[in-house]
C-alpha atoms as a PDB file:
ATOM      1  CA  MET A   1     -30.482  -2.511  -1.131  1.00  0.00           C
ATOM      2  CA  GLN A   2     -28.270  -4.481   1.267  1.00  0.00           C
ATOM      3  CA  LYS A   3     -26.285  -2.341   3.735  1.00  0.00           C
ATOM      4  CA  THR A   4     -23.779  -3.749   6.196  1.00  0.00           C
ATOM      5  CA  ILE A   5     -21.334  -2.339   8.741  1.00  0.00           C
ATOM      6  CA  ARG A   6     -18.245  -4.411   9.491  1.00  0.00           C
ATOM      7  CA  LEU A   7     -14.778  -4.074  10.950  1.00  0.00           C
ATOM      8  CA  ALA A   8     -12.190  -2.989   8.426  1.00  0.00           C
ATOM      9  CA  ASN A   9      -9.176  -5.083   7.526  1.00  0.00           C
ATOM     10  CA  SER A  10      -5.956  -4.551   5.565  1.00  0.00           C
ATOM     11  CA  ALA A  11      -7.728  -5.207   2.267  1.00  0.00           C
ATOM     12  CA  ASP A  12      -9.880  -2.093   2.898  1.00  0.00           C
ATOM     13  CA  ILE A  13      -7.050   0.456   3.044  1.00  0.00           C
ATOM     14  CA  ASP A  14      -7.352   1.514  -0.613  1.00  0.00           C
ATOM     15  CA  ALA A  15     -11.136   1.885  -0.223  1.00  0.00           C
ATOM     16  CA  ILE A  16     -10.657   3.990   2.916  1.00  0.00           C
ATOM     17  CA  PHE A  17      -8.407   6.394   1.021  1.00  0.00           C
ATOM     18  CA  HIS A  18     -10.761   6.441  -1.975  1.00  0.00           C
ATOM     19  CA  ILE A  19     -13.702   7.356   0.264  1.00  0.00           C
ATOM     20  CA  ARG A  20     -11.700   9.996   2.155  1.00  0.00           C
ATOM     21  CA  ILE A  21     -10.555  11.852  -0.968  1.00  0.00           C
ATOM     22  CA  SER A  22     -14.001  11.623  -2.631  1.00  0.00           C
ATOM     23  CA  VAL A  23     -16.059  13.538  -0.065  1.00  0.00           C
ATOM     24  CA  ARG A  24     -17.475  16.986  -0.758  1.00  0.00           C
ATOM     25  CA  GLU A  25     -17.109  18.524   2.722  1.00  0.00           C
ATOM     26  CA  ASN A  26     -13.767  18.556   4.496  1.00  0.00           C
ATOM     27  CA  HIS A  27     -12.130  17.356   1.288  1.00  0.00           C
ATOM     28  CA  LEU A  28      -8.444  16.537   1.415  1.00  0.00           C
ATOM     29  CA  SER A  29      -6.297  15.246  -1.422  1.00  0.00           C
ATOM     30  CA  ARG A  30      -4.063  12.196  -1.124  1.00  0.00           C
ATOM     31  CA  GLU A  31      -1.074  14.568  -1.007  1.00  0.00           C
ATOM     32  CA  GLN A  32      -2.598  16.568   1.861  1.00  0.00           C
ATOM     33  CA  LEU A  33      -3.300  13.381   3.784  1.00  0.00           C
ATOM     34  CA  THR A  34       0.291  12.283   3.271  1.00  0.00           C
ATOM     35  CA  GLN A  35       1.556  15.633   4.578  1.00  0.00           C
ATOM     36  CA  MET A  36      -0.553  15.034   7.699  1.00  0.00           C
ATOM     37  CA  GLY A  37       0.987  11.585   8.182  1.00  0.00           C
ATOM     38  CA  ILE A  38      -2.184   9.781   7.121  1.00  0.00           C
ATOM     39  CA  ILE A  39      -0.611   7.122   4.951  1.00  0.00           C
ATOM     40  CA  PRO A  40      -1.451   3.460   4.299  1.00  0.00           C
ATOM     41  CA  GLU A  41       1.138   2.314   6.835  1.00  0.00           C
ATOM     42  CA  ALA A  42      -0.498   4.447   9.550  1.00  0.00           C
ATOM     43  CA  ILE A  43      -3.901   2.935   8.775  1.00  0.00           C
ATOM     44  CA  GLN A  44      -2.373  -0.547   8.796  1.00  0.00           C
ATOM     45  CA  GLN A  45      -0.841   0.159  12.211  1.00  0.00           C
ATOM     46  CA  ALA A  46      -4.168   1.432  13.568  1.00  0.00           C
ATOM     47  CA  LEU A  47      -5.843  -1.765  12.367  1.00  0.00           C
ATOM     48  CA  ALA A  48      -3.143  -3.861  14.036  1.00  0.00           C
ATOM     49  CA  ASP A  49      -3.460  -1.966  17.345  1.00  0.00           C
ATOM     50  CA  ALA A  50      -7.219  -2.219  17.873  1.00  0.00           C
ATOM     51  CA  PRO A  51     -10.559  -2.855  16.143  1.00  0.00           C
ATOM     52  CA  CYS A  52     -10.961   0.868  15.438  1.00  0.00           C
ATOM     53  CA  ILE A  53     -12.121   1.233  11.811  1.00  0.00           C
ATOM     54  CA  TRP A  54     -15.518   0.249  10.445  1.00  0.00           C
ATOM     55  CA  ILE A  55     -16.624  -0.023   6.817  1.00  0.00           C
ATOM     56  CA  ALA A  56     -20.147   0.565   5.513  1.00  0.00           C
ATOM     57  CA  GLU A  57     -20.930  -1.486   2.448  1.00  0.00           C
ATOM     58  CA  VAL A  58     -23.843  -1.174   0.061  1.00  0.00           C
ATOM     59  CA  GLU A  59     -24.370  -4.309  -2.013  1.00  0.00           C
ATOM     60  CA  GLY A  60     -20.834  -5.368  -1.015  1.00  0.00           C
ATOM     61  CA  VAL A  61     -19.192  -2.118  -2.166  1.00  0.00           C
ATOM     62  CA  PRO A  62     -17.399   0.083   0.404  1.00  0.00           C
ATOM     63  CA  ALA A  63     -19.448   3.283   0.733  1.00  0.00           C
ATOM     64  CA  GLY A  64     -18.163   4.843   3.965  1.00  0.00           C
ATOM     65  CA  PHE A  65     -15.974   4.387   6.998  1.00  0.00           C
ATOM     66  CA  SER A  66     -15.489   5.560  10.555  1.00  0.00           C
ATOM     67  CA  MET A  67     -12.355   5.496  12.672  1.00  0.00           C
ATOM     68  CA  ALA A  68     -11.836   5.967  16.401  1.00  0.00           C
ATOM     69  CA  ASP A  69      -8.689   6.656  18.422  1.00  0.00           C
ATOM     70  CA  SER A  70      -9.163   4.888  21.753  1.00  0.00           C
ATOM     71  CA  GLY A  71      -6.066   6.382  23.344  1.00  0.00           C
ATOM     72  CA  ASP A  72      -7.266   9.899  22.629  1.00  0.00           C
ATOM     73  CA  ALA A  73     -11.005   9.176  23.136  1.00  0.00           C
ATOM     74  CA  CYS A  74     -11.898  10.693  19.769  1.00  0.00           C
ATOM     75  CA  VAL A  75     -13.833   9.858  16.660  1.00  0.00           C
ATOM     76  CA  PHE A  76     -11.034  10.500  14.189  1.00  0.00           C
ATOM     77  CA  ALA A  77     -13.028  10.121  10.981  1.00  0.00           C
ATOM     78  CA  ALA A  78     -16.518   9.457   9.623  1.00  0.00           C
ATOM     79  CA  PHE A  79     -17.020   9.753   5.880  1.00  0.00           C
ATOM     80  CA  VAL A  80     -19.546   8.507   3.319  1.00  0.00           C
ATOM     81  CA  LEU A  81     -19.221   8.635  -0.461  1.00  0.00           C
ATOM     82  CA  PRO A  82     -21.430  11.418  -1.867  1.00  0.00           C
ATOM     83  CA  GLN A  83     -23.639   9.033  -3.855  1.00  0.00           C
ATOM     84  CA  PHE A  84     -24.532   7.175  -0.632  1.00  0.00           C
ATOM     85  CA  GLU A  85     -25.319  10.193   1.568  1.00  0.00           C
ATOM     86  CA  GLY A  86     -28.752  10.330   3.175  1.00  0.00           C
ATOM     87  CA  GLN A  87     -29.127   6.560   3.496  1.00  0.00           C
ATOM     88  CA  GLY A  88     -28.298   6.248   7.201  1.00  0.00           C
ATOM     89  CA  LEU A  89     -24.749   5.036   6.706  1.00  0.00           C
ATOM     90  CA  GLY A  90     -23.199   7.870   8.719  1.00  0.00           C
ATOM     91  CA  ARG A  91     -25.395   7.122  11.727  1.00  0.00           C
ATOM     92  CA  SER A  92     -24.680   3.403  11.365  1.00  0.00           C
ATOM     93  CA  LEU A  93     -20.932   4.081  11.231  1.00  0.00           C
ATOM     94  CA  MET A  94     -20.975   6.327  14.299  1.00  0.00           C
ATOM     95  CA  GLU A  95     -22.638   3.672  16.482  1.00  0.00           C
ATOM     96  CA  PRO A  96     -19.699   1.220  16.631  1.00  0.00           C
ATOM     97  CA  ALA A  97     -17.137   4.031  16.917  1.00  0.00           C
ATOM     98  CA  GLU A  98     -18.977   5.588  19.859  1.00  0.00           C
ATOM     99  CA  CYS A  99     -19.574   2.215  21.517  1.00  0.00           C
ATOM    100  CA  PHE A 100     -15.888   1.326  21.177  1.00  0.00           C
ATOM    101  CA  LEU A 101     -14.814   4.613  22.758  1.00  0.00           C
ATOM    102  CA  PHE A 102     -17.428   4.523  25.528  1.00  0.00           C
ATOM    103  CA  GLN A 103     -16.081   1.128  26.614  1.00  0.00           C
ATOM    104  CA  GLN A 104     -12.988   3.022  27.791  1.00  0.00           C
ATOM    105  CA  HIS A 105     -14.031   6.657  28.282  1.00  0.00           C
ATOM    106  CA  GLU A 106     -16.829   8.590  29.977  1.00  0.00           C
ATOM    107  CA  THR A 107     -16.563  11.510  27.515  1.00  0.00           C
ATOM    108  CA  ILE A 108     -15.529  11.307  23.872  1.00  0.00           C
ATOM    109  CA  TRP A 109     -14.818  14.085  21.369  1.00  0.00           C
ATOM    110  CA  LEU A 110     -14.401  15.032  17.734  1.00  0.00           C
ATOM    111  CA  GLU A 111     -13.611  18.128  15.711  1.00  0.00           C
ATOM    112  CA  THR A 112     -15.438  19.380  12.646  1.00  0.00           C
ATOM    113  CA  ALA A 113     -16.140  22.605  10.798  1.00  0.00           C
ATOM    114  CA  GLY A 114     -18.725  24.623  12.705  1.00  0.00           C
ATOM    115  CA  ALA A 115     -20.588  25.646   9.556  1.00  0.00           C
ATOM    116  CA  SER A 116     -20.622  22.159   8.039  1.00  0.00           C
ATOM    117  CA  ARG A 117     -23.491  19.761   7.463  1.00  0.00           C
ATOM    118  CA  ALA A 118     -21.480  17.366   9.621  1.00  0.00           C
ATOM    119  CA  SER A 119     -21.841  19.576  12.706  1.00  0.00           C
ATOM    120  CA  GLY A 120     -25.634  19.407  12.373  1.00  0.00           C
ATOM    121  CA  PHE A 121     -25.458  15.660  11.862  1.00  0.00           C
ATOM    122  CA  TYR A 122     -23.414  15.208  15.033  1.00  0.00           C
ATOM    123  CA  ARG A 123     -25.800  17.433  17.002  1.00  0.00           C
ATOM    124  CA  LYS A 124     -28.678  15.176  15.965  1.00  0.00           C
ATOM    125  CA  LEU A 125     -26.682  12.260  17.406  1.00  0.00           C
ATOM    126  CA  GLY A 126     -26.376  14.003  20.771  1.00  0.00           C
ATOM    127  CA  TRP A 127     -22.993  15.672  20.403  1.00  0.00           C
ATOM    128  CA  ARG A 128     -22.548  19.135  21.954  1.00  0.00           C
ATOM    129  CA  CYS A 129     -20.229  21.947  20.915  1.00  0.00           C
ATOM    130  CA  VAL A 130     -17.852  22.705  23.777  1.00  0.00           C
ATOM    131  CA  GLU A 131     -15.235  24.916  22.121  1.00  0.00           C
ATOM    132  CA  GLN A 132     -14.746  27.193  19.123  1.00  0.00           C
ATOM    133  CA  LEU A 133     -11.404  26.468  17.459  1.00  0.00           C
ATOM    134  CA  PRO A 134      -9.290  28.561  15.092  1.00  0.00           C
ATOM    135  CA  GLY A 135     -10.307  28.522  11.449  1.00  0.00           C
ATOM    136  CA  GLY A 136     -14.007  27.929  12.080  1.00  0.00           C
ATOM    137  CA  ASP A 137     -13.696  24.437  13.515  1.00  0.00           C
ATOM    138  CA  ILE A 138     -15.464  23.315  16.671  1.00  0.00           C
ATOM    139  CA  ARG A 139     -14.756  20.680  19.289  1.00  0.00           C
ATOM    140  CA  MET A 140     -17.756  18.537  20.122  1.00  0.00           C
ATOM    141  CA  GLU A 141     -18.182  16.131  23.011  1.00  0.00           C
ATOM    142  CA  LYS A 142     -20.580  13.396  23.944  1.00  0.00           C
ATOM    143  CA  ARG A 143     -20.965  11.755  27.352  1.00  0.00           C
ATOM    144  CA  ARG A 144     -21.776   8.122  27.973  1.00  0.00           C
ATOM    145  CA  GLN A 145     -25.435   7.667  28.918  1.00  0.00           C
ATOM    146  CA  GLN A 146     -25.958   6.516  32.474  1.00  0.00           C
ATOM    147  CA  ALA A 147     -28.630   3.899  33.048  1.00  0.00           C
ATOM    148  CA  ASP A 148     -31.539   5.065  35.206  1.00  0.00           C
ATOM    149  CA  THR A 149     -31.619   3.370  38.580  1.00  0.00           C
END
């Protein structure tokens, strides 16, 4: 099975929304995303501003994506279609997002539900919980690794 990670482009916007509304955890509908201001035009603008969205493909089919906000130093999104979970796509999508952010920031962050599978996934990638947030969410941070001298 051929898996690739690549930068997203404008042609991927529909796939990004399809993936986002298809997940089991942290599910949001298209209407909820719209209410939050997450609309195709916002994704298009993010793509125009910086190389900040990556697509995971399996046999050429979009199966997941990650998105980073360089100005805010955060991993904004990382989602994989349910039928492709457990194949390493999430880890592969986090690598370019983290690398992109660490080029500009010493410490990066994300928020997720504390009781979610995602929080355990992020912990395995070296993220640490630094704050309990209202509604059961947590803020996690990760620091850039310093080379041994």
